[in-house]
C-alpha atoms as a PDB file:
ATOM      1  CA  MET A   1     125.833 101.974 144.791  1.00  0.00           C
ATOM      2  CA  ASP A   2     123.580 103.407 142.134  1.00  0.00           C
ATOM      3  CA  ILE A   3     122.211 100.765 139.688  1.00  0.00           C
ATOM      4  CA  ALA A   4     123.765 102.365 136.599  1.00  0.00           C
ATOM      5  CA  VAL A   5     127.073 102.447 138.408  1.00  0.00           C
ATOM      6  CA  ARG A   6     126.840  98.816 139.339  1.00  0.00           C
ATOM      7  CA  ASN A   7     125.963  97.941 135.703  1.00  0.00           C
ATOM      8  CA  LEU A   8     129.033  99.780 134.421  1.00  0.00           C
ATOM      9  CA  ARG A   9     131.256  98.153 136.969  1.00  0.00           C
ATOM     10  CA  ASP A  10     130.125  94.754 135.903  1.00  0.00           C
ATOM     11  CA  ARG A  11     130.333  95.606 132.195  1.00  0.00           C
ATOM     12  CA  LEU A  12     133.947  96.724 132.530  1.00  0.00           C
ATOM     13  CA  ARG A  13     135.204  93.758 134.514  1.00  0.00           C
ATOM     14  CA  GLY A  14     137.869  92.063 132.422  1.00  0.00           C
ATOM     15  CA  ALA A  15     137.915  94.975 129.882  1.00  0.00           C
ATOM     16  CA  LEU A  16     140.935  96.476 128.191  1.00  0.00           C
ATOM     17  CA  ILE A  17     140.102 100.160 127.974  1.00  0.00           C
ATOM     18  CA  ALA A  18     142.553 101.914 125.719  1.00  0.00           C
ATOM     19  CA  ALA A  19     143.552 105.410 127.003  1.00  0.00           C
ATOM     20  CA  ALA A  20     143.454 106.791 123.510  1.00  0.00           C
ATOM     21  CA  ALA A  21     145.755 109.559 122.338  1.00  0.00           C
ATOM     22  CA  THR A  22     144.220 112.429 120.331  1.00  0.00           C
ATOM     23  CA  PRO A  23     146.201 112.555 117.009  1.00  0.00           C
ATOM     24  CA  MET A  24     147.028 116.155 116.144  1.00  0.00           C
ATOM     25  CA  THR A  25     149.504 118.351 114.365  1.00  0.00           C
ATOM     26  CA  ALA A  26     152.396 120.141 115.909  1.00  0.00           C
ATOM     27  CA  SER A  27     150.186 123.221 116.247  1.00  0.00           C
ATOM     28  CA  GLY A  28     147.414 121.216 117.980  1.00  0.00           C
ATOM     29  CA  GLU A  29     145.003 120.868 115.085  1.00  0.00           C
ATOM     30  CA  VAL A  30     142.764 117.775 115.294  1.00  0.00           C
ATOM     31  CA  ASP A  31     141.392 115.865 112.234  1.00  0.00           C
ATOM     32  CA  LEU A  32     138.141 114.246 113.452  1.00  0.00           C
ATOM     33  CA  ASP A  33     137.928 111.758 110.571  1.00  0.00           C
ATOM     34  CA  LEU A  34     141.401 110.604 111.474  1.00  0.00           C
ATOM     35  CA  VAL A  35     140.325 110.330 115.162  1.00  0.00           C
ATOM     36  CA  SER A  36     137.490 108.040 114.060  1.00  0.00           C
ATOM     37  CA  ARG A  37     139.850 105.783 112.103  1.00  0.00           C
ATOM     38  CA  TYR A  38     142.402 105.728 114.856  1.00  0.00           C
ATOM     39  CA  LEU A  39     139.863 104.812 117.590  1.00  0.00           C
ATOM     40  CA  ALA A  40     138.238 102.120 115.353  1.00  0.00           C
ATOM     41  CA  GLY A  41     141.707 100.569 114.792  1.00  0.00           C
ATOM     42  CA  LEU A  42     142.272 100.308 118.554  1.00  0.00           C
ATOM     43  CA  VAL A  43     138.952  98.491 118.987  1.00  0.00           C
ATOM     44  CA  ALA A  44     139.675  96.224 115.986  1.00  0.00           C
ATOM     45  CA  ASP A  45     143.043  95.261 117.490  1.00  0.00           C
ATOM     46  CA  GLY A  46     141.759  94.289 120.961  1.00  0.00           C
ATOM     47  CA  ALA A  47     140.500  97.220 122.974  1.00  0.00           C
ATOM     48  CA  THR A  48     137.056  96.431 124.445  1.00  0.00           C
ATOM     49  CA  GLY A  49     136.505  99.980 125.678  1.00  0.00           C
ATOM     50  CA  LEU A  50     137.868 103.498 125.109  1.00  0.00           C
ATOM     51  CA  ALA A  51     138.926 106.270 127.443  1.00  0.00           C
ATOM     52  CA  VAL A  52     139.039 109.504 125.475  1.00  0.00           C
ATOM     53  CA  LEU A  53     140.165 112.967 126.584  1.00  0.00           C
ATOM     54  CA  ALA A  54     142.063 111.423 129.444  1.00  0.00           C
ATOM     55  CA  HIS A  55     145.745 112.154 130.379  1.00  0.00           C
ATOM     56  CA  THR A  56     146.907 110.381 127.186  1.00  0.00           C
ATOM     57  CA  GLY A  57     144.352 112.143 125.096  1.00  0.00           C
ATOM     58  CA  ARG A  58     145.350 115.613 126.438  1.00  0.00           C
ATOM     59  CA  GLY A  59     141.678 116.287 127.283  1.00  0.00           C
ATOM     60  CA  PRO A  60     142.340 119.280 129.513  1.00  0.00           C
ATOM     61  CA  TYR A  61     143.967 121.139 126.652  1.00  0.00           C
ATOM     62  CA  LEU A  62     141.304 120.657 123.994  1.00  0.00           C
ATOM     63  CA  ALA A  63     138.543 123.100 123.159  1.00  0.00           C
ATOM     64  CA  PRO A  64     134.979 122.205 124.134  1.00  0.00           C
ATOM     65  CA  ASP A  65     133.780 121.651 120.575  1.00  0.00           C
ATOM     66  CA  VAL A  66     136.779 119.297 119.864  1.00  0.00           C
ATOM     67  CA  ARG A  67     136.136 117.444 123.101  1.00  0.00           C
ATOM     68  CA  ALA A  68     132.446 116.979 122.215  1.00  0.00           C
ATOM     69  CA  ALA A  69     133.348 115.670 118.730  1.00  0.00           C
ATOM     70  CA  VAL A  70     135.884 113.186 120.008  1.00  0.00           C
ATOM     71  CA  ILE A  71     133.324 111.746 122.408  1.00  0.00           C
ATOM     72  CA  GLU A  72     130.805 111.444 119.591  1.00  0.00           C
ATOM     73  CA  ARG A  73     133.283 109.573 117.420  1.00  0.00           C
ATOM     74  CA  ALA A  74     134.154 107.196 120.180  1.00  0.00           C
ATOM     75  CA  VAL A  75     130.478 106.473 121.154  1.00  0.00           C
ATOM     76  CA  ALA A  76     129.720 105.731 117.512  1.00  0.00           C
ATOM     77  CA  LEU A  77     131.977 102.606 117.776  1.00  0.00           C
ATOM     78  CA  GLY A  78     129.683 100.786 120.138  1.00  0.00           C
ATOM     79  CA  VAL A  79     132.078  99.972 122.898  1.00  0.00           C
ATOM     80  CA  PRO A  80     131.957 101.377 126.477  1.00  0.00           C
ATOM     81  CA  VAL A  81     133.316 104.972 126.438  1.00  0.00           C
ATOM     82  CA  LEU A  82     134.806 106.880 129.421  1.00  0.00           C
ATOM     83  CA  ALA A  83     135.464 110.567 128.992  1.00  0.00           C
ATOM     84  CA  GLY A  84     138.076 112.360 131.024  1.00  0.00           C
ATOM     85  CA  VAL A  85     136.818 115.497 132.994  1.00  0.00           C
ATOM     86  CA  GLY A  86     138.689 118.019 135.043  1.00  0.00           C
ATOM     87  CA  GLY A  87     142.352 118.779 135.068  1.00  0.00           C
ATOM     88  CA  GLY A  88     142.002 122.130 133.290  1.00  0.00           C
ATOM     89  CA  ALA A  89     140.258 125.482 133.369  1.00  0.00           C
ATOM     90  CA  GLU A  90     136.884 124.173 132.181  1.00  0.00           C
ATOM     91  CA  ASP A  91     134.290 123.182 134.764  1.00  0.00           C
ATOM     92  CA  PRO A  92     134.431 119.350 135.196  1.00  0.00           C
ATOM     93  CA  ALA A  93     130.688 119.225 136.104  1.00  0.00           C
ATOM     94  CA  ALA A  94     129.927 120.954 132.820  1.00  0.00           C
ATOM     95  CA  GLN A  95     132.232 118.556 130.963  1.00  0.00           C
ATOM     96  CA  ALA A  96     130.421 115.586 132.556  1.00  0.00           C
ATOM     97  CA  ARG A  97     127.001 116.916 131.517  1.00  0.00           C
ATOM     98  CA  VAL A  98     128.210 117.144 127.896  1.00  0.00           C
ATOM     99  CA  ALA A  99     129.609 113.586 128.063  1.00  0.00           C
ATOM    100  CA  ALA A 100     126.349 112.318 129.361  1.00  0.00           C
ATOM    101  CA  GLU A 101     124.366 114.145 126.607  1.00  0.00           C
ATOM    102  CA  LEU A 102     126.620 112.642 124.010  1.00  0.00           C
ATOM    103  CA  GLY A 103     126.213 109.053 125.199  1.00  0.00           C
ATOM    104  CA  ALA A 104     129.405 108.365 127.167  1.00  0.00           C
ATOM    105  CA  ASP A 105     129.077 105.468 129.599  1.00  0.00           C
ATOM    106  CA  GLY A 106     131.094 107.111 132.391  1.00  0.00           C
ATOM    107  CA  VAL A 107     133.689 109.746 133.231  1.00  0.00           C
ATOM    108  CA  LEU A 108     137.279 109.387 134.433  1.00  0.00           C
ATOM    109  CA  VAL A 109     137.693 112.147 137.027  1.00  0.00           C
ATOM    110  CA  PHE A 110     141.146 113.805 137.008  1.00  0.00           C
ATOM    111  CA  PRO A 111     142.688 114.140 140.488  1.00  0.00           C
ATOM    112  CA  SER A 112     142.695 117.600 141.885  1.00  0.00           C
ATOM    113  CA  ASP A 113     144.615 119.555 144.537  1.00  0.00           C
ATOM    114  CA  GLY A 114     141.398 120.471 146.408  1.00  0.00           C
ATOM    115  CA  ASP A 115     138.628 118.431 148.023  1.00  0.00           C
ATOM    116  CA  ARG A 116     138.522 115.324 145.817  1.00  0.00           C
ATOM    117  CA  VAL A 117     135.388 113.930 147.424  1.00  0.00           C
ATOM    118  CA  ALA A 118     133.539 117.249 146.866  1.00  0.00           C
ATOM    119  CA  LEU A 119     134.696 117.275 143.260  1.00  0.00           C
ATOM    120  CA  HIS A 120     133.272 113.777 142.640  1.00  0.00           C
ATOM    121  CA  GLU A 121     129.993 114.804 144.331  1.00  0.00           C
ATOM    122  CA  GLU A 122     129.784 117.835 142.083  1.00  0.00           C
ATOM    123  CA  VAL A 123     130.389 115.829 138.991  1.00  0.00           C
ATOM    124  CA  TRP A 124     127.886 113.199 140.103  1.00  0.00           C
ATOM    125  CA  ARG A 125     125.144 115.739 140.843  1.00  0.00           C
ATOM    126  CA  ALA A 126     125.703 117.440 137.488  1.00  0.00           C
ATOM    127  CA  ALA A 127     125.467 114.403 135.226  1.00  0.00           C
ATOM    128  CA  ARG A 128     124.553 111.235 137.261  1.00  0.00           C
ATOM    129  CA  LEU A 129     127.093 109.497 135.025  1.00  0.00           C
ATOM    130  CA  PRO A 130     129.109 106.636 136.610  1.00  0.00           C
ATOM    131  CA  MET A 131     132.529 107.821 137.743  1.00  0.00           C
ATOM    132  CA  ILE A 132     135.977 106.190 137.749  1.00  0.00           C
ATOM    133  CA  ALA A 133     138.166 107.730 140.375  1.00  0.00           C
ATOM    134  CA  PHE A 134     141.838 108.252 139.523  1.00  0.00           C
ATOM    135  CA  ASP A 135     144.874 107.711 141.732  1.00  0.00           C
ATOM    136  CA  LEU A 136     147.713 109.273 139.722  1.00  0.00           C
ATOM    137  CA  TYR A 137     151.384 109.362 140.484  1.00  0.00           C
ATOM    138  CA  THR A 138     151.542 113.161 140.174  1.00  0.00           C
ATOM    139  CA  ARG A 139     148.838 113.543 142.828  1.00  0.00           C
ATOM    140  CA  PRO A 140     148.672 110.290 144.866  1.00  0.00           C
ATOM    141  CA  CYS A 141     145.499 110.026 146.934  1.00  0.00           C
ATOM    142  CA  PRO A 142     145.681 109.398 150.754  1.00  0.00           C
ATOM    143  CA  ALA A 143     144.141 106.189 151.909  1.00  0.00           C
ATOM    144  CA  GLY A 144     141.489 107.978 153.881  1.00  0.00           C
ATOM    145  CA  THR A 145     140.353 109.940 150.900  1.00  0.00           C
ATOM    146  CA  LEU A 146     140.428 106.815 148.788  1.00  0.00           C
ATOM    147  CA  ARG A 147     137.979 105.157 151.235  1.00  0.00           C
ATOM    148  CA  GLU A 148     135.709 108.103 150.979  1.00  0.00           C
ATOM    149  CA  LEU A 149     135.710 108.135 147.208  1.00  0.00           C
ATOM    150  CA  LEU A 150     135.111 104.430 147.060  1.00  0.00           C
ATOM    151  CA  ALA A 151     132.055 104.776 149.336  1.00  0.00           C
ATOM    152  CA  HIS A 152     130.441 107.240 146.952  1.00  0.00           C
ATOM    153  CA  PRO A 153     127.337 105.758 145.205  1.00  0.00           C
ATOM    154  CA  GLY A 154     128.508 107.217 141.911  1.00  0.00           C
ATOM    155  CA  VAL A 155     131.944 105.673 141.859  1.00  0.00           C
ATOM    156  CA  ALA A 156     132.113 102.409 139.867  1.00  0.00           C
ATOM    157  CA  GLY A 157     135.855 101.845 140.234  1.00  0.00           C
ATOM    158  CA  LEU A 158     139.285 103.194 140.760  1.00  0.00           C
ATOM    159  CA  LYS A 159     142.067 103.504 138.228  1.00  0.00           C
ATOM    160  CA  THR A 160     145.496 103.288 139.910  1.00  0.00           C
ATOM    161  CA  ALA A 161     148.527 104.770 138.075  1.00  0.00           C
ATOM    162  CA  LEU A 162     151.241 105.213 140.679  1.00  0.00           C
ATOM    163  CA  LEU A 163     154.035 104.259 138.229  1.00  0.00           C
ATOM    164  CA  SER A 164     156.621 102.929 140.719  1.00  0.00           C
ATOM    165  CA  ASP A 165     154.840 102.773 144.107  1.00  0.00           C
ATOM    166  CA  ALA A 166     154.130  99.048 144.412  1.00  0.00           C
ATOM    167  CA  MET A 167     152.849  99.334 147.920  1.00  0.00           C
ATOM    168  CA  GLY A 168     150.528 102.192 147.077  1.00  0.00           C
ATOM    169  CA  CYS A 169     149.252 100.203 144.108  1.00  0.00           C
ATOM    170  CA  GLN A 170     148.580  97.201 146.234  1.00  0.00           C
ATOM    171  CA  ARG A 171     146.810  99.279 148.881  1.00  0.00           C
ATOM    172  CA  ALA A 172     144.569 101.006 146.335  1.00  0.00           C
ATOM    173  CA  ILE A 173     143.616  97.720 144.694  1.00  0.00           C
ATOM    174  CA  ALA A 174     142.813  96.139 148.083  1.00  0.00           C
ATOM    175  CA  LEU A 175     140.679  99.189 149.192  1.00  0.00           C
ATOM    176  CA  THR A 176     138.834  99.157 145.882  1.00  0.00           C
ATOM    177  CA  ARG A 177     137.943  95.524 146.092  1.00  0.00           C
ATOM    178  CA  GLU A 178     136.937  95.804 149.803  1.00  0.00           C
ATOM    179  CA  ALA A 179     134.510  98.516 148.694  1.00  0.00           C
ATOM    180  CA  ASP A 180     133.022  96.238 146.021  1.00  0.00           C
ATOM    181  CA  ARG A 181     134.230  98.560 143.248  1.00  0.00           C
ATOM    182  CA  LEU A 182     136.180  97.701 140.090  1.00  0.00           C
ATOM    183  CA  ALA A 183     139.951  97.707 140.544  1.00  0.00           C
ATOM    184  CA  ILE A 184     141.372  99.036 137.290  1.00  0.00           C
ATOM    185  CA  THR A 185     145.077  98.987 136.557  1.00  0.00           C
ATOM    186  CA  GLY A 186     146.634 102.011 134.880  1.00  0.00           C
ATOM    187  CA  GLU A 187     150.100 100.673 135.800  1.00  0.00           C
ATOM    188  CA  ASP A 188     151.925 100.550 132.479  1.00  0.00           C
ATOM    189  CA  ARG A 189     155.191  99.835 134.359  1.00  0.00           C
ATOM    190  CA  MET A 190     153.612  97.352 136.796  1.00  0.00           C
ATOM    191  CA  PHE A 191     151.017  95.818 134.587  1.00  0.00           C
ATOM    192  CA  GLY A 192     151.538  92.106 135.157  1.00  0.00           C
ATOM    193  CA  PRO A 193     152.138  92.509 138.927  1.00  0.00           C
ATOM    194  CA  SER A 194     148.989  94.710 139.323  1.00  0.00           C
ATOM    195  CA  LEU A 195     146.890  91.882 137.875  1.00  0.00           C
ATOM    196  CA  LEU A 196     148.436  89.489 140.241  1.00  0.00           C
ATOM    197  CA  TRP A 197     147.582  91.977 143.046  1.00  0.00           C
ATOM    198  CA  GLY A 198     143.894  91.853 142.135  1.00  0.00           C
ATOM    199  CA  ALA A 199     143.241  94.360 139.326  1.00  0.00           C
ATOM    200  CA  GLU A 200     140.158  93.284 137.297  1.00  0.00           C
ATOM    201  CA  ALA A 201     140.347  95.555 134.248  1.00  0.00           C
ATOM    202  CA  ALA A 202     142.900  97.786 132.552  1.00  0.00           C
ATOM    203  CA  LEU A 203     142.850 101.385 131.465  1.00  0.00           C
ATOM    204  CA  VAL A 204     146.332 102.166 130.134  1.00  0.00           C
ATOM    205  CA  GLY A 205     148.128 104.574 127.925  1.00  0.00           C
ATOM    206  CA  ILE A 206     150.379 101.867 126.544  1.00  0.00           C
ATOM    207  CA  ALA A 207     147.266 100.668 124.680  1.00  0.00           C
ATOM    208  CA  ALA A 208     147.200 103.869 122.710  1.00  0.00           C
ATOM    209  CA  ALA A 209     149.284 101.936 120.159  1.00  0.00           C
ATOM    210  CA  SER A 210     150.305  98.309 119.817  1.00  0.00           C
ATOM    211  CA  VAL A 211     147.062  97.487 121.708  1.00  0.00           C
ATOM    212  CA  GLY A 212     147.471  93.786 120.949  1.00  0.00           C
ATOM    213  CA  VAL A 213     150.563  93.648 123.217  1.00  0.00           C
ATOM    214  CA  THR A 214     148.427  94.663 126.185  1.00  0.00           C
ATOM    215  CA  ALA A 215     145.464  92.484 125.140  1.00  0.00           C
ATOM    216  CA  ALA A 216     147.737  89.440 125.016  1.00  0.00           C
ATOM    217  CA  VAL A 217     148.693  89.896 128.655  1.00  0.00           C
ATOM    218  CA  LEU A 218     145.045  90.076 129.803  1.00  0.00           C
ATOM    219  CA  GLU A 219     144.147  87.085 127.648  1.00  0.00           C
ATOM    220  CA  ALA A 220     146.993  85.006 129.012  1.00  0.00           C
ATOM    221  CA  PHE A 221     146.189  85.997 132.593  1.00  0.00           C
ATOM    222  CA  ALA A 222     142.522  85.040 132.153  1.00  0.00           C
ATOM    223  CA  GLY A 223     143.511  81.747 130.568  1.00  0.00           C
ATOM    224  CA  LYS A 224     145.717  80.743 133.525  1.00  0.00           C
ATOM    225  CA  ASP A 225     148.648  79.825 131.229  1.00  0.00           C
ATOM    226  CA  LEU A 226     151.603  80.851 133.299  1.00  0.00           C
ATOM    227  CA  ARG A 227     154.187  80.550 130.512  1.00  0.00           C
ATOM    228  CA  ALA A 228     152.009  82.591 128.091  1.00  0.00           C
ATOM    229  CA  PHE A 229     151.435  85.218 130.763  1.00  0.00           C
ATOM    230  CA  GLU A 230     155.199  85.456 131.470  1.00  0.00           C
ATOM    231  CA  GLU A 231     156.012  85.825 127.776  1.00  0.00           C
ATOM    232  CA  ALA A 232     153.249  88.381 127.106  1.00  0.00           C
ATOM    233  CA  SER A 233     154.194  90.378 130.207  1.00  0.00           C
ATOM    234  CA  GLY A 234     157.844  90.406 129.165  1.00  0.00           C
ATOM    235  CA  ARG A 235     156.951  91.818 125.763  1.00  0.00           C
ATOM    236  CA  LEU A 236     154.780  94.585 127.337  1.00  0.00           C
ATOM    237  CA  ASP A 237     157.515  95.438 129.833  1.00  0.00           C
ATOM    238  CA  ARG A 238     160.072  95.834 127.092  1.00  0.00           C
ATOM    239  CA  LEU A 239     157.779  98.276 125.321  1.00  0.00           C
ATOM    240  CA  ALA A 240     156.939 100.107 128.568  1.00  0.00           C
ATOM    241  CA  GLN A 241     160.636 100.544 129.337  1.00  0.00           C
ATOM    242  CA  VAL A 242     161.220 102.768 126.394  1.00  0.00           C
ATOM    243  CA  THR A 243     157.842 104.556 126.266  1.00  0.00           C
ATOM    244  CA  PHE A 244     157.138 105.214 129.986  1.00  0.00           C
ATOM    245  CA  THR A 245     160.438 106.649 131.014  1.00  0.00           C
ATOM    246  CA  GLU A 246     161.866 110.043 131.945  1.00  0.00           C
ATOM    247  CA  PRO A 247     160.715 112.610 131.117  1.00  0.00           C
ATOM    248  CA  MET A 248     157.486 110.695 131.960  1.00  0.00           C
ATOM    249  CA  GLU A 249     155.182 113.214 130.257  1.00  0.00           C
ATOM    250  CA  GLY A 250     156.913 112.343 127.090  1.00  0.00           C
ATOM    251  CA  TYR A 251     155.142 109.030 126.940  1.00  0.00           C
ATOM    252  CA  VAL A 252     152.289 110.583 124.885  1.00  0.00           C
ATOM    253  CA  GLN A 253     154.647 111.646 122.140  1.00  0.00           C
ATOM    254  CA  ARG A 254     156.357 108.176 122.302  1.00  0.00           C
ATOM    255  CA  MET A 255     153.071 106.416 121.892  1.00  0.00           C
ATOM    256  CA  LEU A 256     152.205 108.690 118.997  1.00  0.00           C
ATOM    257  CA  TRP A 257     155.528 107.827 117.322  1.00  0.00           C
ATOM    258  CA  LEU A 258     154.658 104.227 117.760  1.00  0.00           C
ATOM    259  CA  ALA A 259     151.132 104.786 116.344  1.00  0.00           C
ATOM    260  CA  ALA A 260     152.689 106.424 113.264  1.00  0.00           C
ATOM    261  CA  ALA A 261     155.160 103.515 112.857  1.00  0.00           C
ATOM    262  CA  GLU A 262     152.153 101.090 112.891  1.00  0.00           C
ATOM    263  CA  GLY A 263     150.331 103.155 110.288  1.00  0.00           C
ATOM    264  CA  ARG A 264     147.530 104.094 112.737  1.00  0.00           C
ATOM    265  CA  VAL A 265     148.173 107.846 112.174  1.00  0.00           C
ATOM    266  CA  PRO A 266     150.097 109.885 109.608  1.00  0.00           C
ATOM    267  CA  GLU A 267     153.363 111.548 110.586  1.00  0.00           C
ATOM    268  CA  THR A 268     151.601 114.908 110.228  1.00  0.00           C
ATOM    269  CA  HIS A 269     149.312 114.047 113.166  1.00  0.00           C
ATOM    270  CA  ALA A 270     151.764 112.155 115.413  1.00  0.00           C
ATOM    271  CA  HIS A 271     152.528 115.153 117.682  1.00  0.00           C
ATOM    272  CA  ASP A 272     152.035 116.048 121.242  1.00  0.00           C
ATOM    273  CA  PRO A 273     152.481 119.820 121.516  1.00  0.00           C
ATOM    274  CA  TYR A 274     151.632 119.785 125.208  1.00  0.00           C
ATOM    275  CA  GLY A 275     154.408 117.469 126.346  1.00  0.00           C
ATOM    276  CA  PRO A 276     158.174 118.043 126.867  1.00  0.00           C
ATOM    277  CA  PRO A 277     160.512 118.146 123.898  1.00  0.00           C
ATOM    278  CA  LEU A 278     162.141 114.868 123.127  1.00  0.00           C
ATOM    279  CA  GLN A 279     165.323 113.997 121.229  1.00  0.00           C
ATOM    280  CA  GLU A 280     164.613 112.631 117.788  1.00  0.00           C
ATOM    281  CA  GLU A 281     167.024 109.685 118.494  1.00  0.00           C
ATOM    282  CA  GLU A 282     164.484 108.335 120.952  1.00  0.00           C
ATOM    283  CA  ARG A 283     162.045 107.560 118.124  1.00  0.00           C
ATOM    284  CA  ALA A 284     164.283 104.764 116.712  1.00  0.00           C
ATOM    285  CA  VAL A 285     164.468 103.213 120.155  1.00  0.00           C
ATOM    286  CA  VAL A 286     160.741 103.203 120.609  1.00  0.00           C
ATOM    287  CA  VAL A 287     160.086 101.793 117.143  1.00  0.00           C
ATOM    288  CA  ALA A 288     162.758  99.151 117.563  1.00  0.00           C
ATOM    289  CA  ALA A 289     161.039  97.944 120.762  1.00  0.00           C
ATOM    290  CA  PHE A 290     157.833  97.453 118.911  1.00  0.00           C
ATOM    291  CA  GLY A 291     159.531  95.515 116.113  1.00  0.00           C
END
């Protein structure tokens, strides 16, 4: 394992990395000053790291200049920053180079339909920036490929986000720990169990708002207080039940609704133009779960 990769792995152990949304208007316009305030609020409320331009942040849809500006705003906050690369038309290696130049600490590599190991090697050669591999429910990674990825000297850890595949999540965590990489939970709907299965850090979209709810679970787990862990996990589960539900891609809009209800973003910039349309009645359910 490369020394910079090892250092990031160790730095992120125990971290809550918020998979931040990108506040925007219904037409997709981004206010960068608002992005700065929003990201700073996540950090103030318990996020110890930020993942920008990831699935929650709709990174694949954003123009290169906007992507670069979002990374700059995140890096300025002084916490570890992971930038999402891939998943769209733009070259992920080029995206990784830009992220490195702007001071990002690592990249979260979107899963692809092609040769995933070759993709990670391409990204690594382009930027020499530590990588977090990504096992996502829309493109689950075969165990053999996971082993190859986890043996790559540029891979610091694996984020598993398999949604409802408990056995797949357990397998991914076990393989990651066997490879001496960081097992990162992205399991918004299996958050507590994934910690019990061995996840050592969290990178979750549910921390795009109400970040303190997620932070409380990690704090209780680290403190070995079973009752506190049970109560904190229950609160997170109740929130996840109304935000991470069908249509699943609607979770970004739901988290933005919640961010608006908390005053993190104005209503004008609480839109996800890239997700499925949702019924307005859902908003009241989401906000009620937070309250």
